């Protein structure tokens, strides 16, 4: 029995007209409004949906099929990764053309902060860390930093390197994440003697830029 259980639906081969789903409500989660699932109009026939849906009021978007727009229109409730992002995507600057649809559904749009498993991501008992630490005893962080410095930068003077500030960044290398600002600020930031570790992938342009900067500042930035 499904009842009130939450199901994650990525593909569904059964018809939306199936009586089994008649009383099933749907929650559509928006992680990044920029990725919309755009396809040529000719692909509409593969959806088995009626042609009457291919309109500006439906899933048509500047002559293409827009699956994200379809989800926004069809779901009972809409959610995204934070209350701030929920407000941002109502504005033209952040909505990638879907602000009109989202404004019509704003009463059904909620921001829900990404969750985390506190049991698994607990530095006070993480067996994969060189040393554990907590808010009560943070001494283990020094050894963690030392091991990370050694692994990423191989400094000749490890003691001196340990005294340097170490900054980290994990995320997608895209303009939406502010990588244009990061690339612009890096040379000045590194001039203050800061070491930087960046982990991520994304636009080839930013990957190239970061690797070029890392090449010019050997031992200071790891990408």
Foldseek 3Di string as FASTA:
>chain_A
DCPPPDDDDDDDPDDPPPPVCPPPAFEAEDEALVDFPKDAPVCPVVVVDDPVQCDPVHQPDPRTGTVNLNCLVPHPAYEYAAQVVLVVCCDPVRVNPCNVSSVVCSVRYYYDHDDDDCVQPAQQDPPPAPHGADPVGRVSVLVSLLVVLCVFQVDPDSVVVSPAAEEEEEDECDVVVVLVVVLVCVVVVVVVVYAYEYHYYYDPVSVVSQVVVCVVVHSRYGD
